[in-house]
C-alpha cells in the first residue's frame, strides 16, 4: 500500500472512543519533524496549543443592532 492510499483510508471508530488524527512527518537532518509542506516543525505548531484566540474574549462578532428597549 502506498503512502497516498494510507492517508486516504478511513477507519470506523468504536462508539465511546476518541478518534485521534496523526500524520507521518519526515525527520530533517537537524532531527526535527516538519509538516507536509515543510514550512513549520511540529514543535512550532505545538507551541500554540495553549493559546486562546483573541476573538473568544471580545465581542467583535456580536450583533451591532440597537436594542428597542432601553
C-alpha atoms as a PDB file:
ATOM      1  CA  UNK A   1       0.000   0.000   0.000  1.00  0.00           C
ATOM      2  CA  UNK A   2       1.398   3.434  -0.884  1.00  0.00           C
ATOM      3  CA  UNK A   3       1.571   6.452   1.410  1.00  0.00           C
ATOM      4  CA  UNK A   4      -1.153   8.274  -0.541  1.00  0.00           C
ATOM      5  CA  UNK A   5      -3.502   5.308  -0.111  1.00  0.00           C
ATOM      6  CA  UNK A   6      -2.781   5.165   3.617  1.00  0.00           C
ATOM      7  CA  UNK A   7      -3.598   8.861   4.008  1.00  0.00           C
ATOM      8  CA  UNK A   8      -6.958   8.493   2.255  1.00  0.00           C
ATOM      9  CA  UNK A   9      -8.102   5.420   4.195  1.00  0.00           C
ATOM     10  CA  UNK A  10     -10.771   5.891   6.810  1.00  0.00           C
ATOM     11  CA  UNK A  11     -11.489   3.522   9.641  1.00  0.00           C
ATOM     12  CA  UNK A  12     -14.513   3.137  11.830  1.00  0.00           C
ATOM     13  CA  UNK A  13     -14.134   4.409  15.390  1.00  0.00           C
ATOM     14  CA  UNK A  14     -15.798   2.246  18.044  1.00  0.00           C
ATOM     15  CA  UNK A  15     -18.581   4.016  19.921  1.00  0.00           C
ATOM     16  CA  UNK A  16     -17.337   5.802  23.027  1.00  0.00           C
ATOM     17  CA  UNK A  17     -13.718   6.051  21.890  1.00  0.00           C
ATOM     18  CA  UNK A  18     -11.796   9.109  20.768  1.00  0.00           C
ATOM     19  CA  UNK A  19     -10.628   9.395  17.196  1.00  0.00           C
ATOM     20  CA  UNK A  20      -7.104  10.796  17.125  1.00  0.00           C
ATOM     21  CA  UNK A  21      -5.599  12.214  13.945  1.00  0.00           C
ATOM     22  CA  UNK A  22      -1.975  11.528  13.244  1.00  0.00           C
ATOM     23  CA  UNK A  23       0.425  12.324  10.454  1.00  0.00           C
ATOM     24  CA  UNK A  24       3.716  10.865   9.381  1.00  0.00           C
ATOM     25  CA  UNK A  25       6.249  13.675   9.415  1.00  0.00           C
ATOM     26  CA  UNK A  26       9.707  13.171   7.933  1.00  0.00           C
ATOM     27  CA  UNK A  27      12.706  13.871  10.155  1.00  0.00           C
ATOM     28  CA  UNK A  28      15.159  16.531   8.936  1.00  0.00           C
ATOM     29  CA  UNK A  29      18.947  16.353   9.365  1.00  0.00           C
ATOM     30  CA  UNK A  30      18.562  18.632  12.426  1.00  0.00           C
ATOM     31  CA  UNK A  31      16.365  15.892  13.959  1.00  0.00           C
ATOM     32  CA  UNK A  32      13.168  17.957  13.626  1.00  0.00           C
ATOM     33  CA  UNK A  33       9.871  16.764  12.251  1.00  0.00           C
ATOM     34  CA  UNK A  34       8.351  19.096   9.681  1.00  0.00           C
ATOM     35  CA  UNK A  35       4.833  19.458   8.326  1.00  0.00           C
ATOM     36  CA  UNK A  36       3.957  18.122   4.890  1.00  0.00           C
ATOM     37  CA  UNK A  37       4.799  21.392   3.123  1.00  0.00           C
ATOM     38  CA  UNK A  38       7.967  21.792   5.219  1.00  0.00           C
ATOM     39  CA  UNK A  39       7.056  25.248   6.482  1.00  0.00           C
ATOM     40  CA  UNK A  40       6.781  24.507  10.216  1.00  0.00           C
ATOM     41  CA  UNK A  41       8.206  21.998  12.637  1.00  0.00           C
ATOM     42  CA  UNK A  42       5.804  20.053  14.811  1.00  0.00           C
ATOM     43  CA  UNK A  43       7.354  21.718  17.878  1.00  0.00           C
ATOM     44  CA  UNK A  44       6.467  25.146  16.445  1.00  0.00           C
ATOM     45  CA  UNK A  45       2.868  24.082  15.885  1.00  0.00           C
ATOM     46  CA  UNK A  46       2.562  22.661  19.396  1.00  0.00           C
ATOM     47  CA  UNK A  47       3.719  25.960  20.942  1.00  0.00           C
ATOM     48  CA  UNK A  48       0.318  27.469  20.109  1.00  0.00           C
ATOM     49  CA  UNK A  49      -1.775  24.656  21.634  1.00  0.00           C
ATOM     50  CA  UNK A  50      -2.431  26.578  24.871  1.00  0.00           C
ATOM     51  CA  UNK A  51      -3.223  29.957  23.307  1.00  0.00           C
ATOM     52  CA  UNK A  52      -6.780  31.240  23.245  1.00  0.00           C
ATOM     53  CA  UNK A  53      -7.670  33.169  20.077  1.00  0.00           C
ATOM     54  CA  UNK A  54      -8.414  36.865  20.568  1.00  0.00           C
ATOM     55  CA  UNK A  55     -11.932  36.594  19.165  1.00  0.00           C
ATOM     56  CA  UNK A  56     -13.004  34.305  22.013  1.00  0.00           C
ATOM     57  CA  UNK A  57     -12.515  37.148  24.500  1.00  0.00           C
ATOM     58  CA  UNK A  58     -14.065  40.020  22.549  1.00  0.00           C
ATOM     59  CA  UNK A  59     -17.481  40.965  21.292  1.00  0.00           C
ATOM     60  CA  UNK A  60     -16.134  41.586  17.777  1.00  0.00           C
ATOM     61  CA  UNK A  61     -18.775  39.407  16.127  1.00  0.00           C
ATOM     62  CA  UNK A  62     -21.753  40.348  18.305  1.00  0.00           C
ATOM     63  CA  UNK A  63     -24.739  41.972  16.671  1.00  0.00           C
ATOM     64  CA  UNK A  64     -24.490  45.729  16.189  1.00  0.00           C
ATOM     65  CA  UNK A  65     -28.266  46.083  16.168  1.00  0.00           C
ATOM     66  CA  UNK A  66     -29.508  48.702  18.644  1.00  0.00           C
ATOM     67  CA  UNK A  67     -31.991  47.447  21.200  1.00  0.00           C
ATOM     68  CA  UNK A  68     -35.528  48.894  21.016  1.00  0.00           C
ATOM     69  CA  UNK A  69     -35.970  48.594  24.753  1.00  0.00           C
ATOM     70  CA  UNK A  70     -33.741  50.761  26.936  1.00  0.00           C
END
